[in-house]
C-alpha atoms as a PDB file:
ATOM      1  CA  UNK A   1      -0.537 -59.227 -10.381  1.00  0.00           C
ATOM      2  CA  UNK A   2      -3.201 -61.583  -9.163  1.00  0.00           C
ATOM      3  CA  UNK A   3      -6.670 -60.573  -8.251  1.00  0.00           C
ATOM      4  CA  UNK A   4      -7.780 -62.163  -5.006  1.00  0.00           C
ATOM      5  CA  UNK A   5     -11.032 -62.309  -3.104  1.00  0.00           C
ATOM      6  CA  UNK A   6     -10.986 -62.592   0.735  1.00  0.00           C
ATOM      7  CA  UNK A   7     -14.568 -63.409   1.817  1.00  0.00           C
ATOM      8  CA  UNK A   8     -15.363 -64.290   5.395  1.00  0.00           C
ATOM      9  CA  UNK A   9     -18.002 -64.912   8.109  1.00  0.00           C
ATOM     10  CA  UNK A  10     -17.065 -64.074  11.640  1.00  0.00           C
ATOM     11  CA  UNK A  11     -19.107 -64.318  14.800  1.00  0.00           C
ATOM     12  CA  UNK A  12     -16.761 -63.343  17.548  1.00  0.00           C
ATOM     13  CA  UNK A  13     -14.246 -61.384  15.463  1.00  0.00           C
ATOM     14  CA  UNK A  14     -11.650 -64.099  15.422  1.00  0.00           C
ATOM     15  CA  UNK A  15     -12.108 -65.032  11.698  1.00  0.00           C
ATOM     16  CA  UNK A  16     -12.332 -61.405  10.799  1.00  0.00           C
ATOM     17  CA  UNK A  17      -8.795 -60.899  12.510  1.00  0.00           C
ATOM     18  CA  UNK A  18      -7.488 -63.751  10.320  1.00  0.00           C
ATOM     19  CA  UNK A  19      -9.156 -62.354   7.251  1.00  0.00           C
ATOM     20  CA  UNK A  20      -7.680 -58.847   7.769  1.00  0.00           C
ATOM     21  CA  UNK A  21      -4.199 -60.339   8.389  1.00  0.00           C
ATOM     22  CA  UNK A  22      -4.348 -62.486   5.212  1.00  0.00           C
ATOM     23  CA  UNK A  23      -5.690 -59.554   3.110  1.00  0.00           C
ATOM     24  CA  UNK A  24      -2.939 -57.261   4.394  1.00  0.00           C
ATOM     25  CA  UNK A  25      -0.318 -59.849   3.551  1.00  0.00           C
ATOM     26  CA  UNK A  26      -1.678 -60.203   0.011  1.00  0.00           C
ATOM     27  CA  UNK A  27      -1.650 -56.526  -0.436  1.00  0.00           C
ATOM     28  CA  UNK A  28       1.974 -56.232   0.948  1.00  0.00           C
ATOM     29  CA  UNK A  29       2.899 -58.727  -1.876  1.00  0.00           C
ATOM     30  CA  UNK A  30       1.539 -56.272  -4.396  1.00  0.00           C
ATOM     31  CA  UNK A  31      -1.644 -58.136  -5.357  1.00  0.00           C
ATOM     32  CA  UNK A  32      -5.100 -56.766  -5.780  1.00  0.00           C
ATOM     33  CA  UNK A  33      -7.521 -57.719  -3.012  1.00  0.00           C
ATOM     34  CA  UNK A  34     -11.291 -57.461  -2.593  1.00  0.00           C
ATOM     35  CA  UNK A  35     -12.083 -57.804   1.123  1.00  0.00           C
ATOM     36  CA  UNK A  36     -15.723 -58.762   1.852  1.00  0.00           C
ATOM     37  CA  UNK A  37     -17.720 -60.048   4.706  1.00  0.00           C
ATOM     38  CA  UNK A  38     -20.735 -62.463   4.240  1.00  0.00           C
ATOM     39  CA  UNK A  39     -22.631 -60.398   6.795  1.00  0.00           C
ATOM     40  CA  UNK A  40     -21.998 -56.818   5.421  1.00  0.00           C
ATOM     41  CA  UNK A  41     -21.087 -57.025   1.783  1.00  0.00           C
ATOM     42  CA  UNK A  42     -23.682 -58.395  -0.633  1.00  0.00           C
ATOM     43  CA  UNK A  43     -21.869 -60.893  -2.850  1.00  0.00           C
ATOM     44  CA  UNK A  44     -23.161 -63.325  -5.468  1.00  0.00           C
ATOM     45  CA  UNK A  45     -21.324 -66.633  -5.737  1.00  0.00           C
ATOM     46  CA  UNK A  46     -21.045 -66.025  -9.591  1.00  0.00           C
ATOM     47  CA  UNK A  47     -18.610 -63.214  -8.707  1.00  0.00           C
ATOM     48  CA  UNK A  48     -15.948 -65.829  -7.810  1.00  0.00           C
ATOM     49  CA  UNK A  49     -15.173 -66.361 -11.451  1.00  0.00           C
ATOM     50  CA  UNK A  50     -13.853 -62.759 -11.626  1.00  0.00           C
ATOM     51  CA  UNK A  51     -10.830 -63.707  -9.355  1.00  0.00           C
ATOM     52  CA  UNK A  52      -7.671 -65.671  -9.834  1.00  0.00           C
ATOM     53  CA  UNK A  53      -7.650 -66.678  -6.199  1.00  0.00           C
ATOM     54  CA  UNK A  54     -10.389 -66.976  -3.528  1.00  0.00           C
ATOM     55  CA  UNK A  55      -9.887 -67.293   0.213  1.00  0.00           C
ATOM     56  CA  UNK A  56     -13.018 -68.265   2.033  1.00  0.00           C
ATOM     57  CA  UNK A  57     -13.097 -67.705   5.796  1.00  0.00           C
ATOM     58  CA  UNK A  58     -15.615 -68.985   8.293  1.00  0.00           C
ATOM     59  CA  UNK A  59     -16.032 -69.752  11.938  1.00  0.00           C
ATOM     60  CA  UNK A  60     -16.826 -73.300  12.579  1.00  0.00           C
ATOM     61  CA  UNK A  61     -18.771 -74.666  15.586  1.00  0.00           C
ATOM     62  CA  UNK A  62     -20.845 -77.773  15.492  1.00  0.00           C
ATOM     63  CA  UNK A  63     -21.226 -79.792  12.316  1.00  0.00           C
ATOM     64  CA  UNK A  64     -21.625 -77.472   9.216  1.00  0.00           C
ATOM     65  CA  UNK A  65     -21.340 -74.049   7.662  1.00  0.00           C
ATOM     66  CA  UNK A  66     -22.823 -70.953   9.408  1.00  0.00           C
ATOM     67  CA  UNK A  67     -26.266 -69.705   8.357  1.00  0.00           C
ATOM     68  CA  UNK A  68     -24.808 -66.556   6.750  1.00  0.00           C
ATOM     69  CA  UNK A  69     -22.789 -68.718   4.399  1.00  0.00           C
ATOM     70  CA  UNK A  70     -25.579 -71.118   3.474  1.00  0.00           C
ATOM     71  CA  UNK A  71     -27.049 -69.264   0.360  1.00  0.00           C
ATOM     72  CA  UNK A  72     -23.568 -68.589  -1.067  1.00  0.00           C
ATOM     73  CA  UNK A  73     -22.731 -72.132  -0.613  1.00  0.00           C
ATOM     74  CA  UNK A  74     -25.837 -73.337  -2.417  1.00  0.00           C
ATOM     75  CA  UNK A  75     -25.268 -70.869  -5.172  1.00  0.00           C
ATOM     76  CA  UNK A  76     -21.788 -72.387  -5.794  1.00  0.00           C
ATOM     77  CA  UNK A  77     -23.626 -75.357  -7.427  1.00  0.00           C
ATOM     78  CA  UNK A  78     -23.972 -73.328 -10.596  1.00  0.00           C
ATOM     79  CA  UNK A  79     -20.313 -72.385 -10.911  1.00  0.00           C
ATOM     80  CA  UNK A  80     -17.333 -73.762 -13.017  1.00  0.00           C
ATOM     81  CA  UNK A  81     -14.304 -72.728 -10.954  1.00  0.00           C
ATOM     82  CA  UNK A  82     -11.688 -74.399 -13.321  1.00  0.00           C
ATOM     83  CA  UNK A  83      -8.454 -72.439 -13.205  1.00  0.00           C
ATOM     84  CA  UNK A  84      -9.279 -70.879  -9.761  1.00  0.00           C
ATOM     85  CA  UNK A  85      -7.218 -71.421  -6.593  1.00  0.00           C
ATOM     86  CA  UNK A  86      -9.447 -71.521  -3.412  1.00  0.00           C
ATOM     87  CA  UNK A  87      -8.194 -71.673   0.104  1.00  0.00           C
ATOM     88  CA  UNK A  88     -10.111 -71.886   3.462  1.00  0.00           C
ATOM     89  CA  UNK A  89      -9.418 -70.450   6.806  1.00  0.00           C
ATOM     90  CA  UNK A  90     -11.189 -69.776  10.000  1.00  0.00           C
ATOM     91  CA  UNK A  91     -11.635 -69.906  13.804  1.00  0.00           C
ATOM     92  CA  UNK A  92     -12.520 -73.334  15.153  1.00  0.00           C
ATOM     93  CA  UNK A  93     -13.539 -74.809  18.502  1.00  0.00           C
ATOM     94  CA  UNK A  94     -12.014 -78.124  19.683  1.00  0.00           C
ATOM     95  CA  UNK A  95     -14.993 -78.496  22.135  1.00  0.00           C
ATOM     96  CA  UNK A  96     -17.015 -79.950  19.192  1.00  0.00           C
ATOM     97  CA  UNK A  97     -16.606 -83.519  17.848  1.00  0.00           C
ATOM     98  CA  UNK A  98     -15.512 -82.274  14.424  1.00  0.00           C
ATOM     99  CA  UNK A  99     -12.843 -79.635  14.241  1.00  0.00           C
ATOM    100  CA  UNK A 100     -13.431 -76.912  11.601  1.00  0.00           C
ATOM    101  CA  UNK A 101     -16.148 -78.611   9.527  1.00  0.00           C
ATOM    102  CA  UNK A 102     -17.208 -75.494   7.762  1.00  0.00           C
ATOM    103  CA  UNK A 103     -13.689 -75.188   6.211  1.00  0.00           C
ATOM    104  CA  UNK A 104     -13.752 -78.757   4.968  1.00  0.00           C
ATOM    105  CA  UNK A 105     -17.287 -78.322   3.575  1.00  0.00           C
ATOM    106  CA  UNK A 106     -16.342 -75.107   1.651  1.00  0.00           C
ATOM    107  CA  UNK A 107     -13.164 -76.804   0.321  1.00  0.00           C
ATOM    108  CA  UNK A 108     -15.083 -79.753  -0.842  1.00  0.00           C
ATOM    109  CA  UNK A 109     -17.668 -77.727  -2.617  1.00  0.00           C
ATOM    110  CA  UNK A 110     -14.872 -75.770  -4.290  1.00  0.00           C
ATOM    111  CA  UNK A 111     -13.205 -78.900  -5.423  1.00  0.00           C
ATOM    112  CA  UNK A 112     -16.625 -80.273  -6.734  1.00  0.00           C
ATOM    113  CA  UNK A 113     -16.828 -77.108  -8.832  1.00  0.00           C
ATOM    114  CA  UNK A 114     -13.402 -77.834 -10.415  1.00  0.00           C
ATOM    115  CA  UNK A 115     -11.379 -75.319  -8.394  1.00  0.00           C
ATOM    116  CA  UNK A 116      -7.751 -76.276  -7.307  1.00  0.00           C
ATOM    117  CA  UNK A 117      -7.965 -76.300  -3.437  1.00  0.00           C
ATOM    118  CA  UNK A 118      -4.986 -74.900  -1.556  1.00  0.00           C
ATOM    119  CA  UNK A 119      -3.608 -77.815   0.455  1.00  0.00           C
ATOM    120  CA  UNK A 120      -3.693 -76.152   3.913  1.00  0.00           C
ATOM    121  CA  UNK A 121      -6.992 -75.407   5.608  1.00  0.00           C
ATOM    122  CA  UNK A 122      -5.948 -72.841   8.147  1.00  0.00           C
ATOM    123  CA  UNK A 123      -7.707 -73.711  11.329  1.00  0.00           C
ATOM    124  CA  UNK A 124      -7.089 -71.634  14.440  1.00  0.00           C
ATOM    125  CA  UNK A 125      -8.397 -72.521  17.854  1.00  0.00           C
ATOM    126  CA  UNK A 126     -10.762 -69.712  18.845  1.00  0.00           C
ATOM    127  CA  UNK A 127      -8.892 -66.382  18.803  1.00  0.00           C
ATOM    128  CA  UNK A 128      -5.531 -66.153  17.018  1.00  0.00           C
ATOM    129  CA  UNK A 129      -2.408 -65.259  19.221  1.00  0.00           C
ATOM    130  CA  UNK A 130       0.672 -63.493  17.862  1.00  0.00           C
ATOM    131  CA  UNK A 131       2.232 -66.656  16.623  1.00  0.00           C
ATOM    132  CA  UNK A 132      -1.000 -67.665  14.833  1.00  0.00           C
ATOM    133  CA  UNK A 133      -1.189 -64.192  13.218  1.00  0.00           C
ATOM    134  CA  UNK A 134       2.320 -64.962  11.739  1.00  0.00           C
ATOM    135  CA  UNK A 135       0.884 -68.265  10.578  1.00  0.00           C
ATOM    136  CA  UNK A 136      -1.923 -66.508   8.813  1.00  0.00           C
ATOM    137  CA  UNK A 137       0.676 -64.291   6.936  1.00  0.00           C
ATOM    138  CA  UNK A 138       2.624 -67.352   5.914  1.00  0.00           C
ATOM    139  CA  UNK A 139      -0.649 -69.067   4.758  1.00  0.00           C
ATOM    140  CA  UNK A 140      -1.258 -66.085   2.573  1.00  0.00           C
ATOM    141  CA  UNK A 141       2.175 -66.098   1.194  1.00  0.00           C
ATOM    142  CA  UNK A 142       2.071 -69.869   0.403  1.00  0.00           C
ATOM    143  CA  UNK A 143      -1.333 -69.387  -1.217  1.00  0.00           C
ATOM    144  CA  UNK A 144       0.095 -66.511  -3.372  1.00  0.00           C
ATOM    145  CA  UNK A 145       3.149 -68.621  -4.316  1.00  0.00           C
ATOM    146  CA  UNK A 146       0.968 -71.390  -5.657  1.00  0.00           C
ATOM    147  CA  UNK A 147      -1.397 -68.910  -7.346  1.00  0.00           C
ATOM    148  CA  UNK A 148       1.435 -67.120  -9.238  1.00  0.00           C
ATOM    149  CA  UNK A 149       3.497 -70.125 -10.306  1.00  0.00           C
END
């Protein structure tokens, strides 16, 4: 059984819906999940080393990571995530010039810290519909497959 952290920032609730779906899918596959929000659950980036897999969710607007993720992101500089699988997901808005930059930024930082980054960055336009909820479940299953093989 793998131990997975699902940590997210959500402004409108869309990324939270995704995080809940992903977390539920991981639990349904009999893995241990810690479900946390950047806003509500104090977490130190150093805690990432306690997990086999880490799923970082964030909304993405303009050009970078949201303010509530900034400190955590900077604290990642001190980590060695060798042997950890990190995935990113979130709600994005195609109105902006760059689509989902926060997810790309978090994935790049994880890679710099020697994590293995899950190949799919799950980007959903605004609020997920039923089909996209199913995609979130498949995303979680694919992540678990890579994590446990």
